[in-house]
C-alpha atoms as a PDB file:
ATOM      1  CA  MET A   1       0.037  -0.032  -0.221  1.00  0.00           C
ATOM      2  CA  ALA A   2       1.450   3.283  -1.004  1.00  0.00           C
ATOM      3  CA  ALA A   3       1.862   6.044   1.622  1.00  0.00           C
ATOM      4  CA  GLU A   4      -1.240   8.159   2.027  1.00  0.00           C
ATOM      5  CA  THR A   5      -0.805  11.916   1.217  1.00  0.00           C
ATOM      6  CA  VAL A   6      -1.520  14.200   3.830  1.00  0.00           C
ATOM      7  CA  LEU A   7      -2.327  17.867   3.049  1.00  0.00           C
ATOM      8  CA  GLU A   8      -0.226  20.614   4.721  1.00  0.00           C
ATOM      9  CA  LEU A   9      -2.488  22.813   6.855  1.00  0.00           C
ATOM     10  CA  PRO A  10      -2.013  26.375   5.671  1.00  0.00           C
ATOM     11  CA  PRO A  11      -0.212  28.619   8.162  1.00  0.00           C
ATOM     12  CA  ALA A  12      -2.988  31.141   8.856  1.00  0.00           C
ATOM     13  CA  ALA A  13      -5.965  28.603   8.717  1.00  0.00           C
ATOM     14  CA  THR A  14      -9.125  29.433  10.360  1.00  0.00           C
ATOM     15  CA  ILE A  15     -11.892  27.854  12.029  1.00  0.00           C
ATOM     16  CA  THR A  16     -14.387  29.267   9.625  1.00  0.00           C
ATOM     17  CA  GLN A  17     -12.354  28.726   6.576  1.00  0.00           C
ATOM     18  CA  LEU A  18     -11.952  24.731   7.467  1.00  0.00           C
ATOM     19  CA  LYS A  19     -16.133  24.534   8.366  1.00  0.00           C
ATOM     20  CA  LYS A  20     -16.503  25.987   5.027  1.00  0.00           C
ATOM     21  CA  GLN A  21     -14.228  23.685   3.356  1.00  0.00           C
ATOM     22  CA  ALA A  22     -16.026  20.545   5.188  1.00  0.00           C
ATOM     23  CA  LYS A  23     -19.547  22.340   3.760  1.00  0.00           C
ATOM     24  CA  GLU A  24     -18.095  22.430   0.335  1.00  0.00           C
ATOM     25  CA  LEU A  25     -16.961  18.833   0.760  1.00  0.00           C
ATOM     26  CA  ARG A  26     -20.507  17.518   1.731  1.00  0.00           C
ATOM     27  CA  ARG A  27     -22.497  19.453  -0.478  1.00  0.00           C
ATOM     28  CA  ALA A  28     -20.242  18.068  -3.427  1.00  0.00           C
ATOM     29  CA  ALA A  29     -20.697  14.739  -2.174  1.00  0.00           C
ATOM     30  CA  ARG A  30     -24.335  15.104  -1.961  1.00  0.00           C
ATOM     31  CA  SER A  31     -24.806  16.670  -5.468  1.00  0.00           C
ATOM     32  CA  GLY A  32     -22.892  13.264  -6.762  1.00  0.00           C
ATOM     33  CA  ASP A  33     -19.196  14.850  -7.216  1.00  0.00           C
ATOM     34  CA  ARG A  34     -17.087  11.786  -7.943  1.00  0.00           C
ATOM     35  CA  GLU A  35     -13.786  13.104  -6.487  1.00  0.00           C
ATOM     36  CA  ALA A  36     -15.717  14.438  -3.144  1.00  0.00           C
ATOM     37  CA  ARG A  37     -17.083  10.999  -2.858  1.00  0.00           C
ATOM     38  CA  ARG A  38     -14.038   9.292  -3.429  1.00  0.00           C
ATOM     39  CA  ARG A  39     -12.632  11.569  -0.501  1.00  0.00           C
ATOM     40  CA  VAL A  40     -15.272  10.539   1.632  1.00  0.00           C
ATOM     41  CA  ALA A  41     -15.370   6.675   0.855  1.00  0.00           C
ATOM     42  CA  ARG A  42     -11.024   7.106   1.476  1.00  0.00           C
ATOM     43  CA  TRP A  43     -11.269   8.357   5.073  1.00  0.00           C
ATOM     44  CA  ASP A  44     -14.769   7.198   5.975  1.00  0.00           C
ATOM     45  CA  ARG A  45     -16.941   4.964   4.744  1.00  0.00           C
ATOM     46  CA  ASP A  46     -18.676   4.493   1.354  1.00  0.00           C
ATOM     47  CA  PRO A  47     -22.472   4.835   2.100  1.00  0.00           C
ATOM     48  CA  ALA A  48     -24.814   3.237  -0.507  1.00  0.00           C
ATOM     49  CA  GLU A  49     -26.255   5.519  -2.956  1.00  0.00           C
ATOM     50  CA  SER A  50     -29.422   6.269  -1.144  1.00  0.00           C
ATOM     51  CA  GLU A  51     -27.302   7.472   1.920  1.00  0.00           C
ATOM     52  CA  TRP A  52     -25.555  10.072  -0.003  1.00  0.00           C
ATOM     53  CA  ASN A  53     -28.092  12.852   0.963  1.00  0.00           C
ATOM     54  CA  GLY A  54     -27.880  12.312   4.481  1.00  0.00           C
ATOM     55  CA  LEU A  55     -23.731  12.972   4.755  1.00  0.00           C
ATOM     56  CA  ALA A  56     -23.675  14.887   8.181  1.00  0.00           C
ATOM     57  CA  LEU A  57     -21.178  17.909   8.679  1.00  0.00           C
ATOM     58  CA  ARG A  58     -19.135  15.698  11.317  1.00  0.00           C
ATOM     59  CA  ASP A  59     -18.778  13.377   8.494  1.00  0.00           C
ATOM     60  CA  ALA A  60     -17.179  15.881   6.093  1.00  0.00           C
ATOM     61  CA  GLN A  61     -15.082  17.658   9.096  1.00  0.00           C
ATOM     62  CA  PHE A  62     -13.753  13.872   9.982  1.00  0.00           C
ATOM     63  CA  VAL A  63     -12.595  13.401   6.477  1.00  0.00           C
ATOM     64  CA  LEU A  64     -11.362  17.065   5.997  1.00  0.00           C
ATOM     65  CA  ALA A  65      -9.365  16.392   9.270  1.00  0.00           C
ATOM     66  CA  ARG A  66      -8.088  12.799   8.301  1.00  0.00           C
ATOM     67  CA  GLU A  67      -6.602  14.783   5.078  1.00  0.00           C
ATOM     68  CA  TYR A  68      -4.793  17.080   7.156  1.00  0.00           C
ATOM     69  CA  GLY A  69      -3.480  14.474   9.069  1.00  0.00           C
ATOM     70  CA  PHE A  70      -5.229  14.689  12.278  1.00  0.00           C
ATOM     71  CA  ASP A  71      -7.433  12.021  13.955  1.00  0.00           C
ATOM     72  CA  GLY A  72     -10.176  14.284  13.885  1.00  0.00           C
ATOM     73  CA  TRP A  73     -12.245  17.699  14.282  1.00  0.00           C
ATOM     74  CA  ASN A  74     -11.127  18.363  17.614  1.00  0.00           C
ATOM     75  CA  GLN A  75      -7.501  17.895  17.071  1.00  0.00           C
ATOM     76  CA  LEU A  76      -7.477  19.900  14.027  1.00  0.00           C
ATOM     77  CA  SER A  77      -9.650  22.691  15.423  1.00  0.00           C
ATOM     78  CA  ALA A  78      -7.340  22.709  18.787  1.00  0.00           C
ATOM     79  CA  GLU A  79      -4.091  22.806  16.489  1.00  0.00           C
ATOM     80  CA  VAL A  80      -5.555  25.813  14.356  1.00  0.00           C
ATOM     81  CA  GLY A  81      -6.943  27.279  17.686  1.00  0.00           C
ATOM     82  CA  GLU A  82      -3.472  27.279  19.307  1.00  0.00           C
ATOM     83  CA  ARG A  83      -1.673  28.730  16.016  1.00  0.00           C
ATOM     84  CA  MET A  84      -4.131  31.629  16.131  1.00  0.00           C
ATOM     85  CA  ILE A  85      -3.149  32.324  19.439  1.00  0.00           C
ATOM     86  CA  GLU A  86       0.590  32.321  18.721  1.00  0.00           C
ATOM     87  CA  GLN A  87       0.007  34.416  15.488  1.00  0.00           C
ATOM     88  CA  ARG A  88      -1.985  36.931  17.778  1.00  0.00           C
ATOM     89  CA  ASP A  89       0.702  36.961  20.511  1.00  0.00           C
ATOM     90  CA  LEU A  90       3.117  37.402  17.606  1.00  0.00           C
ATOM     91  CA  HIS A  91       1.515  40.319  16.124  1.00  0.00           C
ATOM     92  CA  ARG A  92       0.800  41.775  19.531  1.00  0.00           C
ATOM     93  CA  TRP A  93       4.519  41.642  19.922  1.00  0.00           C
ATOM     94  CA  PHE A  94       5.383  43.408  16.964  1.00  0.00           C
ATOM     95  CA  GLY A  95       2.663  46.089  17.727  1.00  0.00           C
ATOM     96  CA  VAL A  96       4.432  46.823  21.052  1.00  0.00           C
ATOM     97  CA  GLN A  97       7.843  47.008  19.301  1.00  0.00           C
ATOM     98  CA  LEU A  98       6.501  49.164  16.912  1.00  0.00           C
ATOM     99  CA  ASN A  99       4.746  51.477  19.550  1.00  0.00           C
ATOM    100  CA  ASN A 100       7.791  51.519  21.622  1.00  0.00           C
ATOM    101  CA  GLY A 101      10.170  52.292  18.914  1.00  0.00           C
ATOM    102  CA  MET A 102       7.738  55.421  17.712  1.00  0.00           C
ATOM    103  CA  TRP A 103       7.730  56.622  21.050  1.00  0.00           C
ATOM    104  CA  ASP A 104      11.650  56.497  21.133  1.00  0.00           C
ATOM    105  CA  ALA A 105      11.677  58.408  17.667  1.00  0.00           C
ATOM    106  CA  ILE A 106       9.348  61.024  19.279  1.00  0.00           C
ATOM    107  CA  GLU A 107      11.227  61.556  22.544  1.00  0.00           C
ATOM    108  CA  ASP A 108      14.716  61.763  20.820  1.00  0.00           C
ATOM    109  CA  PRO A 109      15.844  65.809  21.354  1.00  0.00           C
ATOM    110  CA  SER A 110      17.981  64.666  17.704  1.00  0.00           C
ATOM    111  CA  VAL A 111      14.871  64.117  15.650  1.00  0.00           C
ATOM    112  CA  GLY A 112      13.116  67.251  14.560  1.00  0.00           C
ATOM    113  CA  PRO A 113      11.462  69.143  11.750  1.00  0.00           C
ATOM    114  CA  ASP A 114      14.717  70.108  10.493  1.00  0.00           C
ATOM    115  CA  SER A 115      16.119  66.374  10.434  1.00  0.00           C
ATOM    116  CA  PRO A 116      17.286  65.331   7.242  1.00  0.00           C
ATOM    117  CA  VAL A 117      15.221  62.857   5.674  1.00  0.00           C
ATOM    118  CA  GLU A 118      16.618  59.211   4.654  1.00  0.00           C
ATOM    119  CA  THR A 119      15.743  57.668   1.573  1.00  0.00           C
END
């Protein structure tokens, strides 16, 4: 059996984006899209033709989580949440540094309206 291909989770992924992807997968599978149904059958189960219309969002979320290399939706959403917190903290740090740098420049007595402009 060939090694399974795992998708790389985008660095700026959000829960909202992932939910939208899962809804699109569910919609496509319900409408008969062969690729969407193949994806579902690969990770979850291969429903009988009469069961595709009842494909639940949680099933599509599970498939998406497996495609990204996670055991389930909870693990995927936890990872995305942690990344969002790390990213928010990084943005906050840069904001503080920029703010402090601007105050340093404002309070610097050698900087004024007659200071040369660097290009």
